[in-house]
Amino acid sequence: MRGDGDGWVVCAENHRHWGRYGAAGLLLRHIEPSGKVSILLQHRAVWSHHGDTWGLPGGARDSGETAEQAALREAYEESGLDREQVEITGSWVDDHGGWSYTTVLAAAPSPLEVRVMSHESIALQWVPEWEVPALPLHPGFAATWPIVSGL
């Protein structure tokens, strides 16, 4: 069932974005006792907007959802992520004027089991944090990574 947030919009900066009410993604971190940090990333399907890039599980917000609800729903739909194991720790909003993307920051007690659950993904993978910038990233994620990686 499609939500009421599915659809394209153009922001004040004249960029085309998916999500009539904005979009949200889940930046899920796992920190090992050694201090090593891993991030859950999604390899986006080739056919998708900015396809064949890596980014956060996420997508369009529906009209009645908070950014946190949307990010958790999308992450579950795309990966089967056990939402009960996720602790929300904060968020960061990239406002484009009339459209925004909220990065929902979260922690996981372990590298939780995930699997590709939709045609929107090629793969889902826990990636060491230091390797993230070397991947071919979705342009929006690449632009905000220097900010959200420090939060």
N, C-alpha and C. Protein backbone atom coordinates (compact mmCIF):
# COMPACT_ATOMS: atom_id res chain seq x y z
N MET A 1 0.84 -1.18 0.00
CA MET A 1 0.00 0.00 0.00
C MET A 1 0.88 1.24 0.00
N ARG A 2 0.64 2.11 -0.94
CA ARG A 2 1.42 3.35 -1.04
C ARG A 2 0.88 4.38 -0.06
N GLY A 3 1.80 5.15 0.50
CA GLY A 3 1.39 6.21 1.41
C GLY A 3 1.03 7.48 0.67
N ASP A 4 0.43 8.42 1.38
CA ASP A 4 0.04 9.67 0.74
C ASP A 4 1.21 10.62 0.52
N GLY A 5 2.38 10.26 1.00
CA GLY A 5 3.57 11.09 0.80
C GLY A 5 4.32 10.79 -0.48
N ASP A 6 3.98 9.69 -1.15
CA ASP A 6 4.67 9.35 -2.39
C ASP A 6 4.35 10.37 -3.48
N GLY A 7 5.38 10.88 -4.11
CA GLY A 7 5.23 11.84 -5.20
C GLY A 7 6.40 12.79 -5.24
N TRP A 8 6.58 13.40 -6.41
CA TRP A 8 7.68 14.34 -6.63
C TRP A 8 7.25 15.75 -6.29
N VAL A 9 8.19 16.53 -5.77
CA VAL A 9 7.99 17.95 -5.52
C VAL A 9 9.24 18.71 -5.97
N VAL A 10 9.09 20.02 -6.17
CA VAL A 10 10.22 20.88 -6.49
C VAL A 10 10.34 21.88 -5.35
N CYS A 11 11.54 21.97 -4.78
CA CYS A 11 11.77 22.85 -3.63
C CYS A 11 12.07 24.27 -4.11
N ALA A 12 12.26 25.16 -3.14
CA ALA A 12 12.57 26.56 -3.43
C ALA A 12 13.91 26.72 -4.15
N GLU A 13 14.79 25.72 -4.03
CA GLU A 13 16.08 25.74 -4.71
C GLU A 13 15.99 25.15 -6.11
N ASN A 14 14.76 24.83 -6.54
CA ASN A 14 14.46 24.27 -7.86
C ASN A 14 15.04 22.87 -8.06
N HIS A 15 15.16 22.12 -6.97
CA HIS A 15 15.58 20.71 -7.04
C HIS A 15 14.33 19.84 -7.01
N ARG A 16 14.39 18.73 -7.69
CA ARG A 16 13.29 17.77 -7.70
C ARG A 16 13.57 16.73 -6.61
N HIS A 17 12.58 16.51 -5.73
CA HIS A 17 12.73 15.59 -4.60
C HIS A 17 11.55 14.63 -4.53
N TRP A 18 11.81 13.44 -4.00
CA TRP A 18 10.76 12.46 -3.74
C TRP A 18 10.23 12.67 -2.33
N GLY A 19 8.92 12.78 -2.20
CA GLY A 19 8.28 12.91 -0.90
C GLY A 19 7.48 14.20 -0.81
N ARG A 20 6.17 14.09 -0.94
CA ARG A 20 5.30 15.27 -0.92
C ARG A 20 5.40 16.03 0.40
N TYR A 21 5.69 15.34 1.49
CA TYR A 21 5.78 15.96 2.81
C TYR A 21 7.20 15.89 3.36
N GLY A 22 8.16 15.78 2.47
CA GLY A 22 9.55 15.62 2.86
C GLY A 22 9.92 14.15 2.93
N ALA A 23 11.11 13.89 3.37
CA ALA A 23 11.60 12.52 3.46
C ALA A 23 12.48 12.39 4.70
N ALA A 24 12.72 11.14 5.07
CA ALA A 24 13.55 10.87 6.25
C ALA A 24 14.33 9.59 6.04
N GLY A 25 15.50 9.54 6.63
CA GLY A 25 16.33 8.34 6.56
C GLY A 25 16.91 8.03 7.93
N LEU A 26 17.27 6.78 8.12
CA LEU A 26 17.78 6.31 9.41
C LEU A 26 19.28 6.13 9.35
N LEU A 27 20.01 6.94 10.11
CA LEU A 27 21.46 6.79 10.26
C LEU A 27 21.68 5.96 11.51
N LEU A 28 21.76 4.65 11.30
CA LEU A 28 21.86 3.69 12.40
C LEU A 28 23.31 3.29 12.61
N ARG A 29 23.78 3.52 13.84
CA ARG A 29 25.17 3.21 14.20
C ARG A 29 25.21 2.07 15.21
N HIS A 30 26.25 1.27 15.06
CA HIS A 30 26.59 0.30 16.10
C HIS A 30 28.03 0.59 16.50
N ILE A 31 28.25 0.72 17.81
CA ILE A 31 29.60 0.96 18.33
C ILE A 31 30.05 -0.27 19.09
N GLU A 32 31.14 -0.88 18.63
CA GLU A 32 31.72 -2.06 19.30
C GLU A 32 32.42 -1.62 20.58
N PRO A 33 32.63 -2.55 21.53
CA PRO A 33 33.38 -2.20 22.75
C PRO A 33 34.76 -1.63 22.43
N SER A 34 35.35 -2.03 21.30
CA SER A 34 36.67 -1.51 20.90
C SER A 34 36.59 -0.07 20.41
N GLY A 35 35.37 0.44 20.18
CA GLY A 35 35.20 1.79 19.67
C GLY A 35 34.94 1.84 18.17
N LYS A 36 35.09 0.71 17.48
CA LYS A 36 34.82 0.65 16.04
C LYS A 36 33.34 0.93 15.79
N VAL A 37 33.06 1.84 14.84
CA VAL A 37 31.69 2.24 14.52
C VAL A 37 31.31 1.72 13.15
N SER A 38 30.13 1.11 13.06
CA SER A 38 29.58 0.65 11.78
C SER A 38 28.26 1.36 11.53
N ILE A 39 27.99 1.63 10.26
CA ILE A 39 26.77 2.33 9.83
C ILE A 39 26.00 1.40 8.89
N LEU A 40 24.69 1.33 9.06
CA LEU A 40 23.85 0.56 8.15
C LEU A 40 23.58 1.39 6.90
N LEU A 41 24.01 0.89 5.74
CA LEU A 41 23.79 1.58 4.48
C LEU A 41 23.00 0.72 3.51
N GLN A 42 22.33 1.41 2.61
CA GLN A 42 21.53 0.77 1.57
C GLN A 42 22.18 1.09 0.22
N HIS A 43 22.41 0.04 -0.59
CA HIS A 43 22.84 0.23 -1.97
C HIS A 43 21.56 0.33 -2.80
N ARG A 44 21.31 1.53 -3.32
CA ARG A 44 20.06 1.84 -4.00
C ARG A 44 19.98 1.18 -5.37
N ALA A 45 18.78 0.74 -5.73
CA ALA A 45 18.54 0.10 -7.02
C ALA A 45 18.95 1.04 -8.15
N VAL A 46 19.45 0.46 -9.23
CA VAL A 46 19.94 1.23 -10.37
C VAL A 46 18.84 2.12 -10.95
N TRP A 47 17.62 1.65 -10.98
CA TRP A 47 16.51 2.39 -11.60
C TRP A 47 16.04 3.59 -10.77
N SER A 48 16.41 3.64 -9.50
CA SER A 48 15.90 4.69 -8.60
C SER A 48 16.59 6.04 -8.86
N HIS A 49 16.00 7.10 -8.32
CA HIS A 49 16.59 8.44 -8.42
C HIS A 49 17.97 8.40 -7.79
N HIS A 50 19.00 8.80 -8.52
CA HIS A 50 20.39 8.68 -8.08
C HIS A 50 20.71 7.23 -7.75
N GLY A 51 20.28 6.33 -8.60
CA GLY A 51 20.47 4.89 -8.38
C GLY A 51 21.92 4.47 -8.43
N ASP A 52 22.16 3.24 -7.97
CA ASP A 52 23.48 2.62 -7.90
C ASP A 52 24.43 3.42 -7.01
N THR A 53 23.84 4.06 -6.00
CA THR A 53 24.64 4.77 -5.00
C THR A 53 24.27 4.22 -3.63
N TRP A 54 25.08 4.57 -2.65
CA TRP A 54 24.84 4.14 -1.27
C TRP A 54 24.24 5.30 -0.48
N GLY A 55 23.32 4.97 0.40
CA GLY A 55 22.69 5.98 1.24
C GLY A 55 22.05 5.33 2.44
N LEU A 56 21.18 6.06 3.07
CA LEU A 56 20.50 5.57 4.27
C LEU A 56 19.19 4.91 3.89
N PRO A 57 18.79 3.87 4.62
CA PRO A 57 17.42 3.38 4.44
C PRO A 57 16.47 4.52 4.78
N GLY A 58 15.50 4.76 3.93
CA GLY A 58 14.57 5.84 4.19
C GLY A 58 13.70 6.11 2.98
N GLY A 59 12.91 7.17 3.07
CA GLY A 59 12.04 7.52 1.97
C GLY A 59 11.05 8.59 2.36
N ALA A 60 9.99 8.68 1.56
CA ALA A 60 8.99 9.73 1.70
C ALA A 60 8.25 9.65 3.02
N ARG A 61 7.99 10.81 3.61
CA ARG A 61 7.15 10.91 4.80
C ARG A 61 5.69 11.00 4.38
N ASP A 62 4.83 10.33 5.10
CA ASP A 62 3.40 10.49 4.90
C ASP A 62 2.91 11.67 5.73
N SER A 63 1.73 12.18 5.40
CA SER A 63 1.22 13.40 6.04
C SER A 63 1.08 13.30 7.55
N GLY A 64 0.77 12.13 8.07
CA GLY A 64 0.55 11.98 9.50
C GLY A 64 1.74 11.46 10.27
N GLU A 65 2.92 11.43 9.66
CA GLU A 65 4.10 10.84 10.29
C GLU A 65 5.09 11.89 10.75
N THR A 66 5.75 11.60 11.85
CA THR A 66 6.93 12.36 12.23
C THR A 66 8.09 11.82 11.39
N ALA A 67 9.17 12.56 11.37
CA ALA A 67 10.35 12.09 10.65
C ALA A 67 10.85 10.77 11.25
N GLU A 68 10.81 10.65 12.56
CA GLU A 68 11.27 9.43 13.22
C GLU A 68 10.41 8.23 12.81
N GLN A 69 9.09 8.42 12.79
CA GLN A 69 8.19 7.33 12.37
C GLN A 69 8.45 6.93 10.93
N ALA A 70 8.63 7.92 10.06
CA ALA A 70 8.87 7.63 8.64
C ALA A 70 10.19 6.88 8.46
N ALA A 71 11.25 7.34 9.12
CA ALA A 71 12.55 6.69 8.98
C ALA A 71 12.51 5.24 9.46
N LEU A 72 11.87 5.00 10.60
CA LEU A 72 11.76 3.63 11.12
C LEU A 72 10.88 2.76 10.22
N ARG A 73 9.78 3.30 9.73
CA ARG A 73 8.89 2.55 8.84
C ARG A 73 9.64 2.17 7.56
N GLU A 74 10.28 3.14 6.95
CA GLU A 74 11.00 2.89 5.70
C GLU A 74 12.14 1.88 5.92
N ALA A 75 12.89 2.04 7.01
CA ALA A 75 13.98 1.10 7.29
C ALA A 75 13.44 -0.32 7.46
N TYR A 76 12.31 -0.45 8.13
CA TYR A 76 11.69 -1.77 8.29
C TYR A 76 11.24 -2.32 6.94
N GLU A 77 10.56 -1.50 6.14
CA GLU A 77 10.06 -1.95 4.84
C GLU A 77 11.20 -2.37 3.91
N GLU A 78 12.33 -1.69 3.99
CA GLU A 78 13.45 -1.96 3.09
C GLU A 78 14.40 -3.04 3.59
N SER A 79 14.42 -3.26 4.91
CA SER A 79 15.44 -4.16 5.45
C SER A 79 14.95 -5.20 6.45
N GLY A 80 13.69 -5.11 6.89
CA GLY A 80 13.21 -5.99 7.94
C GLY A 80 13.79 -5.67 9.30
N LEU A 81 14.39 -4.50 9.44
CA LEU A 81 15.04 -4.08 10.68
C LEU A 81 14.10 -4.21 11.88
N ASP A 82 14.60 -4.79 12.96
CA ASP A 82 13.83 -4.90 14.20
C ASP A 82 13.82 -3.54 14.89
N ARG A 83 12.73 -2.81 14.72
CA ARG A 83 12.63 -1.44 15.25
C ARG A 83 12.70 -1.39 16.77
N GLU A 84 12.34 -2.49 17.42
CA GLU A 84 12.39 -2.51 18.89
C GLU A 84 13.82 -2.46 19.41
N GLN A 85 14.79 -2.78 18.56
CA GLN A 85 16.20 -2.79 18.96
C GLN A 85 16.90 -1.44 18.68
N VAL A 86 16.16 -0.50 18.12
CA VAL A 86 16.74 0.78 17.69
C VAL A 86 16.42 1.87 18.72
N GLU A 87 17.45 2.60 19.13
CA GLU A 87 17.27 3.73 20.05
C GLU A 87 17.52 5.03 19.29
N ILE A 88 16.49 5.85 19.17
CA ILE A 88 16.63 7.15 18.51
C ILE A 88 17.44 8.07 19.41
N THR A 89 18.46 8.73 18.84
CA THR A 89 19.33 9.59 19.64
C THR A 89 19.29 11.05 19.22
N GLY A 90 18.65 11.35 18.09
CA GLY A 90 18.58 12.74 17.63
C GLY A 90 18.18 12.80 16.17
N SER A 91 18.29 13.99 15.61
CA SER A 91 17.98 14.16 14.19
C SER A 91 18.65 15.43 13.67
N TRP A 92 18.73 15.52 12.35
CA TRP A 92 19.27 16.69 11.69
C TRP A 92 18.45 16.93 10.43
N VAL A 93 18.03 18.18 10.21
CA VAL A 93 17.16 18.51 9.09
C VAL A 93 17.93 19.30 8.03
N ASP A 94 17.86 18.82 6.80
CA ASP A 94 18.41 19.51 5.63
C ASP A 94 17.23 20.17 4.93
N ASP A 95 17.05 21.46 5.18
CA ASP A 95 15.88 22.20 4.68
C ASP A 95 16.20 22.86 3.35
N HIS A 96 15.40 22.51 2.34
CA HIS A 96 15.58 23.06 1.00
C HIS A 96 14.54 24.14 0.68
N GLY A 97 13.74 24.54 1.64
CA GLY A 97 12.69 25.52 1.39
C GLY A 97 11.50 24.87 0.71
N GLY A 98 10.51 24.49 1.50
CA GLY A 98 9.34 23.80 0.97
C GLY A 98 9.48 22.30 0.91
N TRP A 99 10.67 21.80 1.17
CA TRP A 99 10.94 20.36 1.23
C TRP A 99 12.14 20.16 2.13
N SER A 100 12.11 19.10 2.95
CA SER A 100 13.26 18.82 3.81
C SER A 100 13.49 17.32 3.93
N TYR A 101 14.74 17.00 4.21
CA TYR A 101 15.13 15.62 4.48
C TYR A 101 15.66 15.59 5.91
N THR A 102 15.07 14.71 6.72
CA THR A 102 15.51 14.57 8.11
C THR A 102 16.33 13.31 8.27
N THR A 103 17.56 13.46 8.71
CA THR A 103 18.40 12.32 9.06
C THR A 103 18.11 12.01 10.52
N VAL A 104 17.53 10.84 10.76
CA VAL A 104 17.21 10.40 12.10
C VAL A 104 18.40 9.59 12.61
N LEU A 105 19.00 10.05 13.68
CA LEU A 105 20.18 9.41 14.26
C LEU A 105 19.71 8.34 15.25
N ALA A 106 20.36 7.18 15.20
CA ALA A 106 19.94 6.09 16.06
C ALA A 106 21.12 5.17 16.37
N ALA A 107 20.94 4.41 17.45
CA ALA A 107 21.96 3.46 17.89
C ALA A 107 21.37 2.06 17.93
N ALA A 108 22.21 1.08 17.63
CA ALA A 108 21.83 -0.33 17.69
C ALA A 108 22.77 -1.04 18.65
N PRO A 109 22.26 -1.99 19.45
CA PRO A 109 23.11 -2.68 20.42
C PRO A 109 24.07 -3.67 19.77
N SER A 110 23.81 -4.02 18.51
CA SER A 110 24.66 -4.94 17.75
C SER A 110 24.41 -4.66 16.28
N PRO A 111 25.22 -5.20 15.38
CA PRO A 111 24.91 -5.05 13.95
C PRO A 111 23.67 -5.91 13.65
N LEU A 112 22.51 -5.31 13.76
CA LEU A 112 21.25 -6.03 13.65
C LEU A 112 21.13 -6.71 12.29
N GLU A 113 20.45 -7.84 12.28
CA GLU A 113 20.25 -8.59 11.04
C GLU A 113 19.31 -7.81 10.13
N VAL A 114 19.71 -7.67 8.88
CA VAL A 114 18.89 -7.02 7.86
C VAL A 114 18.98 -7.84 6.58
N ARG A 115 18.00 -7.64 5.70
CA ARG A 115 18.00 -8.31 4.40
C ARG A 115 17.22 -7.43 3.43
N VAL A 116 17.51 -7.56 2.16
CA VAL A 116 16.80 -6.79 1.14
C VAL A 116 15.34 -7.24 1.14
N MET A 117 14.45 -6.27 1.34
CA MET A 117 13.02 -6.57 1.45
C MET A 117 12.20 -5.91 0.34
N SER A 118 12.84 -5.10 -0.50
CA SER A 118 12.09 -4.42 -1.56
C SER A 118 12.94 -4.28 -2.80
N HIS A 119 12.28 -3.94 -3.89
CA HIS A 119 12.97 -3.75 -5.16
C HIS A 119 13.77 -2.45 -5.19
N GLU A 120 13.71 -1.66 -4.11
CA GLU A 120 14.43 -0.39 -4.04
C GLU A 120 15.90 -0.56 -3.67
N SER A 121 16.28 -1.77 -3.28
CA SER A 121 17.64 -2.01 -2.79
C SER A 121 18.34 -3.10 -3.58
N ILE A 122 19.64 -2.90 -3.78
CA ILE A 122 20.51 -3.95 -4.29
C ILE A 122 21.06 -4.73 -3.11
N ALA A 123 21.43 -3.99 -2.05
CA ALA A 123 22.02 -4.62 -0.87
C ALA A 123 21.85 -3.70 0.33
N LEU A 124 21.99 -4.28 1.51
CA LEU A 124 22.07 -3.56 2.77
C LEU A 124 23.30 -4.10 3.47
N GLN A 125 24.07 -3.19 4.07
CA GLN A 125 25.34 -3.64 4.63
C GLN A 125 25.75 -2.74 5.79
N TRP A 126 26.32 -3.37 6.82
CA TRP A 126 26.95 -2.62 7.89
C TRP A 126 28.35 -2.27 7.40
N VAL A 127 28.65 -0.98 7.33
CA VAL A 127 29.91 -0.49 6.76
C VAL A 127 30.70 0.23 7.86
N PRO A 128 32.00 -0.08 7.99
CA PRO A 128 32.80 0.69 8.95
C PRO A 128 32.70 2.18 8.62
N GLU A 129 32.50 2.99 9.65
CA GLU A 129 32.26 4.43 9.45
C GLU A 129 33.35 5.09 8.61
N TRP A 130 34.60 4.72 8.80
CA TRP A 130 35.68 5.36 8.07
C TRP A 130 35.65 5.04 6.58
N GLU A 131 34.94 3.97 6.17
CA GLU A 131 34.85 3.60 4.75
C GLU A 131 33.72 4.32 4.01
N VAL A 132 32.80 4.93 4.73
CA VAL A 132 31.62 5.55 4.10
C VAL A 132 32.00 6.56 3.03
N PRO A 133 32.90 7.52 3.28
CA PRO A 133 33.19 8.54 2.25
C PRO A 133 33.79 7.98 0.96
N ALA A 134 34.35 6.79 1.01
CA ALA A 134 34.98 6.20 -0.18
C ALA A 134 33.97 5.53 -1.11
N LEU A 135 32.75 5.35 -0.64
CA LEU A 135 31.71 4.70 -1.46
C LEU A 135 31.09 5.71 -2.42
N PRO A 136 30.50 5.22 -3.52
CA PRO A 136 29.72 6.12 -4.38
C PRO A 136 28.40 6.44 -3.68
N LEU A 137 28.34 7.60 -3.05
CA LEU A 137 27.21 7.97 -2.20
C LEU A 137 26.14 8.73 -2.99
N HIS A 138 24.88 8.57 -2.55
CA HIS A 138 23.79 9.39 -3.06
C HIS A 138 24.23 10.84 -2.84
N PRO A 139 24.03 11.73 -3.83
CA PRO A 139 24.54 13.10 -3.69
C PRO A 139 24.05 13.84 -2.45
N GLY A 140 22.80 13.66 -2.07
CA GLY A 140 22.29 14.32 -0.87
C GLY A 140 22.98 13.80 0.38
N PHE A 141 23.18 12.50 0.44
CA PHE A 141 23.87 11.90 1.59
C PHE A 141 25.33 12.33 1.61
N ALA A 142 25.97 12.37 0.45
CA ALA A 142 27.37 12.80 0.38
C ALA A 142 27.52 14.23 0.89
N ALA A 143 26.56 15.09 0.56
CA ALA A 143 26.64 16.49 0.98
C ALA A 143 26.45 16.65 2.49
N THR A 144 25.63 15.79 3.09
CA THR A 144 25.37 15.94 4.53
C THR A 144 26.24 15.05 5.40
N TRP A 145 26.92 14.06 4.83
CA TRP A 145 27.74 13.14 5.62
C TRP A 145 28.74 13.89 6.52
N PRO A 146 29.47 14.90 6.03
CA PRO A 146 30.41 15.59 6.91
C PRO A 146 29.73 16.20 8.15
N ILE A 147 28.46 16.52 8.05
CA ILE A 147 27.73 17.09 9.18
C ILE A 147 27.20 15.98 10.09
N VAL A 148 26.42 15.05 9.50
CA VAL A 148 25.74 14.04 10.32
C VAL A 148 26.70 13.01 10.91
N SER A 149 27.85 12.82 10.28
CA SER A 149 28.80 11.85 10.82
C SER A 149 29.38 12.31 12.15
N GLY A 150 29.35 13.60 12.41
CA GLY A 150 29.87 14.13 13.66
C GLY A 150 28.82 14.30 14.75
N LEU A 151 27.57 13.94 14.45
CA LEU A 151 26.50 14.12 15.44
C LEU A 151 26.32 12.89 16.29
